[in-house]
Protein backbone atom coordinates (compact mmCIF):
# COMPACT_ATOMS: atom_id res chain seq x y z
CA MET A 1 91.42 130.49 70.43
CA THR A 2 94.82 129.89 72.10
CA GLU A 3 95.66 128.00 75.13
CA GLN A 4 96.29 131.26 77.05
CA ALA A 5 92.55 131.86 77.07
CA TYR A 6 92.11 128.81 79.29
CA VAL A 7 94.51 130.03 81.98
CA SER A 8 92.88 130.52 85.25
CA GLY A 9 94.12 132.47 88.25
CA PRO A 10 96.45 132.75 90.06
CA TYR A 11 98.57 131.42 87.17
CA VAL A 12 100.23 133.87 84.71
CA ASP A 13 100.55 131.51 81.74
CA ALA A 14 99.63 127.97 80.53
CA GLU A 15 103.13 126.61 81.24
CA GLN A 16 102.93 127.72 84.97
CA GLN A 17 99.45 126.31 85.28
CA ARG A 18 100.61 122.96 83.78
CA ALA A 19 103.64 122.83 86.04
CA ALA A 20 101.37 123.37 89.07
CA GLY A 21 98.93 120.60 87.95
CA LEU A 22 101.86 118.11 87.54
CA MET A 23 103.33 119.12 90.96
CA GLY A 24 100.02 118.42 92.69
CA MET A 25 99.82 115.05 91.07
CA TYR A 26 103.43 114.23 91.93
CA VAL A 27 102.65 115.02 95.74
CA PHE A 28 99.71 112.74 95.51
CA LEU A 29 101.68 109.95 93.86
CA GLY A 30 104.43 110.36 96.48
CA SER A 31 101.76 109.64 99.27
CA GLU A 32 100.70 106.46 97.31
CA ILE A 33 104.35 105.31 97.05
CA MET A 34 104.71 105.90 100.89
CA LEU A 35 101.62 103.74 101.38
CA PHE A 36 102.86 100.77 99.35
CA GLY A 37 106.46 101.46 100.59
CA GLY A 38 105.38 100.30 104.07
CA LEU A 39 104.07 97.05 102.60
CA PHE A 40 107.37 96.49 100.69
CA ALA A 41 109.36 97.21 103.82
CA ALA A 42 107.29 94.55 105.76
CA ALA A 43 107.90 92.05 102.90
CA LEU A 44 111.70 92.76 103.13
CA VAL A 45 111.81 92.27 106.91
CA ILE A 46 109.98 89.04 106.66
CA ARG A 47 112.17 87.79 103.84
CA VAL A 48 115.44 88.68 105.76
CA LEU A 49 114.29 87.11 109.04
CA TYR A 50 112.56 84.01 107.64
CA PRO A 51 113.92 83.34 104.18
CA HIS A 52 112.91 79.59 104.08
CA GLU A 53 109.35 80.11 105.30
CA VAL A 54 108.79 82.94 102.72
CA VAL A 55 110.04 80.63 99.91
CA GLU A 56 107.63 77.90 100.97
CA ALA A 57 104.73 80.35 101.15
CA SER A 58 105.56 81.90 97.88
CA LYS A 59 105.23 78.49 96.19
CA ALA A 60 101.58 78.54 96.99
CA LEU A 61 101.08 81.49 94.58
CA HIS A 62 100.15 80.95 90.95
CA ILE A 63 103.19 82.37 89.25
CA TRP A 64 101.88 82.12 85.77
CA ILE A 65 98.65 83.91 86.59
CA GLY A 66 100.62 86.71 88.01
CA ALA A 67 102.81 86.78 84.88
CA ILE A 68 99.77 87.05 82.67
CA ASN A 69 98.52 89.90 84.70
CA THR A 70 101.89 91.65 84.51
CA ALA A 71 101.73 91.43 80.66
CA VAL A 72 98.23 92.82 80.76
CA LEU A 73 99.19 95.88 82.82
CA LEU A 74 102.39 96.58 80.89
CA THR A 75 100.34 96.51 77.64
CA SER A 76 97.75 98.89 79.17
CA SER A 77 100.53 101.22 80.24
CA LEU A 78 101.97 101.32 76.71
CA ALA A 79 98.51 102.31 75.43
CA VAL A 80 98.27 105.08 78.09
CA ALA A 81 101.75 106.44 77.17
CA VAL A 82 100.83 106.61 73.48
CA ALA A 83 97.48 108.22 74.47
CA VAL A 84 99.31 110.94 76.39
CA HIS A 85 101.50 111.75 73.35
CA ALA A 86 98.40 111.90 71.19
CA ALA A 87 96.69 114.19 73.66
CA ARG A 88 99.51 116.77 73.26
CA GLN A 89 99.03 116.61 69.55
CA GLY A 90 95.26 117.17 69.82
CA GLN A 91 94.38 113.66 68.57
CA ARG A 92 91.08 113.18 70.21
CA ARG A 93 90.00 109.97 68.72
CA THR A 94 93.35 108.21 69.35
CA VAL A 95 93.11 109.31 73.00
CA VAL A 96 89.60 107.89 73.37
CA MET A 97 90.49 104.63 71.67
CA LEU A 98 93.67 104.03 73.63
CA PHE A 99 92.20 104.94 77.05
CA ALA A 100 89.31 102.66 76.26
CA ILE A 101 91.72 99.86 75.49
CA ALA A 102 93.61 100.59 78.70
CA ALA A 103 90.38 100.50 80.70
CA VAL A 104 89.33 97.20 79.21
CA LEU A 105 92.77 95.85 80.04
CA GLY A 106 92.32 97.03 83.56
CA VAL A 107 89.02 95.20 83.82
CA ALA A 108 90.71 92.11 82.44
CA PHE A 109 93.37 92.40 85.17
CA LEU A 110 90.75 92.51 87.84
CA ALA A 111 88.86 89.53 86.36
CA ILE A 112 92.12 87.49 86.21
CA LYS A 113 92.94 88.50 89.84
CA ALA A 114 89.49 87.41 90.96
CA PHE A 115 89.97 84.14 89.22
CA GLU A 116 93.32 83.73 91.08
CA TYR A 117 91.75 84.43 94.43
CA SER A 118 89.21 81.75 93.58
CA ARG A 119 92.00 79.35 92.88
CA GLU A 120 93.75 80.16 96.16
CA TYR A 121 90.51 79.72 97.98
CA ALA A 122 90.17 76.25 96.39
CA ASP A 123 93.76 75.54 97.38
CA GLY A 124 93.04 76.49 100.98
CA VAL A 125 95.66 79.16 101.13
CA LEU A 126 93.74 82.35 101.04
CA PRO A 127 93.76 84.13 104.45
CA GLY A 128 90.66 83.63 106.38
CA PHE A 129 89.77 80.43 104.48
CA SER A 130 92.98 78.62 104.69
CA ASP A 131 93.55 75.05 105.71
CA PRO A 132 95.31 74.93 109.06
CA ALA A 133 97.46 72.04 107.81
CA ARG A 134 98.38 73.79 104.56
CA PHE A 135 101.36 75.69 106.14
CA THR A 136 103.73 74.54 108.87
CA GLY A 137 104.16 77.87 110.70
CA ASN A 138 102.84 81.31 111.47
CA VAL A 139 105.32 83.02 109.12
CA GLU A 140 103.66 81.48 106.05
CA HIS A 141 100.27 82.72 107.24
CA LEU A 142 101.81 86.16 107.81
CA PHE A 143 103.19 86.13 104.29
CA MET A 144 99.82 85.20 102.75
CA ASN A 145 98.12 87.99 104.78
CA LEU A 146 100.70 90.52 103.45
CA TYR A 147 100.00 89.06 99.96
CA LEU A 148 96.25 89.51 100.33
CA ILE A 149 96.48 93.05 101.77
CA ALA A 150 98.97 94.22 99.06
CA THR A 151 97.15 92.75 96.14
CA ALA A 152 93.69 93.77 97.25
CA LEU A 153 94.85 97.37 97.88
CA HIS A 154 96.45 97.32 94.41
CA ALA A 155 93.24 95.96 92.93
CA LEU A 156 91.45 98.82 94.49
CA HIS A 157 93.82 101.32 92.88
CA VAL A 158 93.37 99.51 89.51
CA THR A 159 89.55 99.98 89.90
CA VAL A 160 89.98 103.72 90.51
CA GLY A 161 92.26 103.88 87.53
CA VAL A 162 89.72 102.11 85.26
CA ALA A 163 87.16 104.71 86.40
CA LEU A 164 89.50 107.51 85.71
CA LEU A 165 90.44 106.22 82.22
CA SER A 166 86.79 105.65 81.34
CA GLY A 167 85.81 109.07 82.67
CA VAL A 168 88.51 111.00 80.81
CA ALA A 169 87.82 109.08 77.59
CA THR A 170 84.17 110.01 77.86
CA PHE A 171 84.91 113.71 78.34
CA VAL A 172 87.44 113.79 75.57
CA GLY A 173 85.12 111.90 73.29
CA THR A 174 82.17 114.26 73.91
CA GLU A 175 84.54 117.25 73.61
CA ARG A 176 83.78 118.50 77.19
CA LEU A 177 87.56 118.19 77.50
CA LEU A 178 89.35 119.99 74.71
CA LEU A 179 92.67 118.88 73.44
CA PRO A 180 95.45 119.82 73.33
CA ARG A 181 94.37 122.69 75.67
CA ARG A 182 93.48 120.48 78.54
CA SER A 183 96.01 117.72 77.86
CA ILE A 184 97.24 118.02 81.42
CA VAL A 185 94.20 116.05 82.57
CA VAL A 186 95.09 113.19 80.26
CA GLU A 187 98.77 113.37 81.46
CA ASN A 188 97.82 113.28 85.13
CA THR A 189 95.50 110.30 84.52
CA GLY A 190 98.31 108.63 82.70
CA LEU A 191 100.72 109.29 85.60
CA TYR A 192 98.26 107.62 87.98
CA TRP A 193 97.92 104.57 85.79
CA HIS A 194 101.71 104.26 85.34
CA LEU A 195 102.07 104.23 89.10
CA VAL A 196 99.52 101.47 89.40
CA ASP A 197 101.51 99.53 86.79
CA ALA A 198 104.87 100.22 88.48
CA ILE A 199 103.49 99.05 91.89
CA TRP A 200 102.50 95.70 90.34
CA VAL A 201 105.94 95.30 88.60
CA PHE A 202 107.38 95.45 92.06
CA LEU A 203 104.81 93.34 93.75
CA TYR A 204 105.08 90.49 91.36
CA PRO A 205 108.84 89.67 92.08
CA VAL A 206 108.53 90.41 95.78
CA LEU A 207 105.59 88.05 96.26
CA TYR A 208 105.48 85.53 93.38
CA LEU A 209 109.23 85.19 92.65
CA ALA A 210 110.37 84.94 96.24
CA ARG A 211 110.55 81.15 95.86
């Protein structure tokens, strides 16, 4: 049976259907970029107006924990990229294995992030639990609030990504999602995960390397 048999209306062929699927995903990813773009814009304004205070606040973050998490996400993104290529070739087992690896790495990222939050709580710098004497001014508190909002929002996206990776891996593994005919589902899941990865790649220098 050819891929043409799986084309649904109003599309005339598989390529048009695939292009429409990708376009819908690009529009969704664009809205996510605008969401985080506002946070990056706020970080830029604070850095320009109060460079010294931002540097001091950034020193409270655990740079090596953030670096480890960056490596974890980059590795998971590589696994997803290879899985997408395998999906186009109809390599079902490879897709399942690599998506499972990426999902496990996503969980590892969340666990490391939770540990980092616990360390910041112990250090008295986590917003809502911070030591009033820990920082010398309101800007430092503002920076840490921005840090918590941005990283917590990103962690939420990682959680959604892990659920998507696990779900797609399950459907592919049980052959409820046939490859390569429905490889667009794997591709769109990969695009979402790459966005999550890319956002962290920008968050890390903006927050951790501002010192």
